Amino acid sequence: MARYRIGENPETGGQPVSDNIFIAAAIFGLFLGIGFNIVGLRAKQYWLASWGAGLFVVSVVYLIYLFFY
């Protein structure tokens, strides 16, 4: 049993998700990674700094892939 509004067909669902939400999430991840890196290094929480560096790198790679390929 699926949940749909009365009179709504499953084939005619909502609006499709655009790529803008993924771009916004990648940019947010970019800034969050920078912030994690700064806070992690100042507080000597190196796991947080490495997490932030990884988040920064993945966000940059995704944005480069998205805009150049």
C-alpha atoms as a PDB file:
ATOM      1  CA  MET A   1       0.000   0.000   0.000  1.00  0.00           C
ATOM      2  CA  ALA A   2       1.592   3.238  -1.161  1.00  0.00           C
ATOM      3  CA  ARG A   3       0.886   6.688   0.209  1.00  0.00           C
ATOM      4  CA  TYR A   4      -0.399   9.153  -2.343  1.00  0.00           C
ATOM      5  CA  ARG A   5      -2.708  12.099  -2.140  1.00  0.00           C
ATOM      6  CA  ILE A   6      -6.274  11.487  -3.161  1.00  0.00           C
ATOM      7  CA  GLY A   7      -6.562  11.776  -6.919  1.00  0.00           C
ATOM      8  CA  GLU A   8      -2.797  11.713  -7.521  1.00  0.00           C
ATOM      9  CA  ASN A   9      -1.244   9.153  -9.803  1.00  0.00           C
ATOM     10  CA  PRO A  10       2.172   7.736  -8.906  1.00  0.00           C
ATOM     11  CA  GLU A  11       3.356   8.378 -12.469  1.00  0.00           C
ATOM     12  CA  THR A  12       2.685  12.103 -12.179  1.00  0.00           C
ATOM     13  CA  GLY A  13       4.613  12.769  -8.998  1.00  0.00           C
ATOM     14  CA  GLY A  14       6.169  15.983  -7.855  1.00  0.00           C
ATOM     15  CA  GLN A  15       8.675  18.211  -9.523  1.00  0.00           C
ATOM     16  CA  PRO A  16      11.980  16.613 -10.464  1.00  0.00           C
ATOM     17  CA  VAL A  17      14.982  17.603  -8.396  1.00  0.00           C
ATOM     18  CA  SER A  18      17.329  19.938 -10.247  1.00  0.00           C
ATOM     19  CA  ASP A  19      21.114  19.968 -10.081  1.00  0.00           C
ATOM     20  CA  ASN A  20      21.064  23.241  -8.144  1.00  0.00           C
ATOM     21  CA  ILE A  21      20.530  21.468  -4.827  1.00  0.00           C
ATOM     22  CA  PHE A  22      23.637  19.343  -5.418  1.00  0.00           C
ATOM     23  CA  ILE A  23      25.705  22.402  -6.361  1.00  0.00           C
ATOM     24  CA  ALA A  24      24.532  24.170  -3.201  1.00  0.00           C
ATOM     25  CA  ALA A  25      25.384  21.111  -1.083  1.00  0.00           C
ATOM     26  CA  ALA A  26      28.866  20.926  -2.630  1.00  0.00           C
ATOM     27  CA  ILE A  27      29.508  24.619  -1.976  1.00  0.00           C
ATOM     28  CA  PHE A  28      28.223  24.215   1.596  1.00  0.00           C
ATOM     29  CA  GLY A  29      30.536  21.211   2.001  1.00  0.00           C
ATOM     30  CA  LEU A  30      33.427  23.279   0.694  1.00  0.00           C
ATOM     31  CA  PHE A  31      32.960  25.968   3.338  1.00  0.00           C
ATOM     32  CA  LEU A  32      32.187  23.421   6.036  1.00  0.00           C
ATOM     33  CA  GLY A  33      35.395  21.565   5.199  1.00  0.00           C
ATOM     34  CA  ILE A  34      37.414  24.755   5.522  1.00  0.00           C
ATOM     35  CA  GLY A  35      35.758  25.484   8.863  1.00  0.00           C
ATOM     36  CA  PHE A  36      36.333  21.943  10.160  1.00  0.00           C
ATOM     37  CA  ASN A  37      39.962  22.163   9.136  1.00  0.00           C
ATOM     38  CA  ILE A  38      40.550  25.484  10.910  1.00  0.00           C
ATOM     39  CA  VAL A  39      38.725  24.470  14.092  1.00  0.00           C
ATOM     40  CA  GLY A  40      40.336  21.031  14.130  1.00  0.00           C
ATOM     41  CA  LEU A  41      43.852  22.409  13.842  1.00  0.00           C
ATOM     42  CA  ARG A  42      43.298  25.120  16.477  1.00  0.00           C
ATOM     43  CA  ALA A  43      41.751  22.673  18.952  1.00  0.00           C
ATOM     44  CA  LYS A  44      44.301  19.951  18.132  1.00  0.00           C
ATOM     45  CA  GLN A  45      41.489  17.628  17.100  1.00  0.00           C
ATOM     46  CA  TYR A  46      43.248  16.104  14.135  1.00  0.00           C
ATOM     47  CA  TRP A  47      40.394  13.771  13.242  1.00  0.00           C
ATOM     48  CA  LEU A  48      38.236  16.861  12.665  1.00  0.00           C
ATOM     49  CA  ALA A  49      40.957  18.504  10.581  1.00  0.00           C
ATOM     50  CA  SER A  50      41.355  15.394   8.434  1.00  0.00           C
ATOM     51  CA  TRP A  51      37.586  15.095   8.058  1.00  0.00           C
ATOM     52  CA  GLY A  52      37.465  18.733   6.954  1.00  0.00           C
ATOM     53  CA  ALA A  53      40.318  18.254   4.503  1.00  0.00           C
ATOM     54  CA  GLY A  54      38.576  15.243   2.999  1.00  0.00           C
ATOM     55  CA  LEU A  55      35.279  17.100   2.741  1.00  0.00           C
ATOM     56  CA  PHE A  56      37.038  20.028   1.073  1.00  0.00           C
ATOM     57  CA  VAL A  57      38.810  17.796  -1.454  1.00  0.00           C
ATOM     58  CA  VAL A  58      35.674  15.829  -2.330  1.00  0.00           C
ATOM     59  CA  SER A  59      33.653  19.029  -2.766  1.00  0.00           C
ATOM     60  CA  VAL A  60      36.285  20.580  -5.024  1.00  0.00           C
ATOM     61  CA  VAL A  61      36.571  17.416  -7.126  1.00  0.00           C
ATOM     62  CA  TYR A  62      32.791  17.224  -7.504  1.00  0.00           C
ATOM     63  CA  LEU A  63      32.501  20.880  -8.533  1.00  0.00           C
ATOM     64  CA  ILE A  64      35.353  20.543 -11.040  1.00  0.00           C
ATOM     65  CA  TYR A  65      33.733  17.426 -12.483  1.00  0.00           C
ATOM     66  CA  LEU A  66      30.351  19.124 -12.652  1.00  0.00           C
ATOM     67  CA  PHE A  67      31.515  22.299 -14.373  1.00  0.00           C
ATOM     68  CA  PHE A  68      34.201  20.938 -16.704  1.00  0.00           C
ATOM     69  CA  TYR A  69      32.889  17.537 -17.813  1.00  0.00           C
END
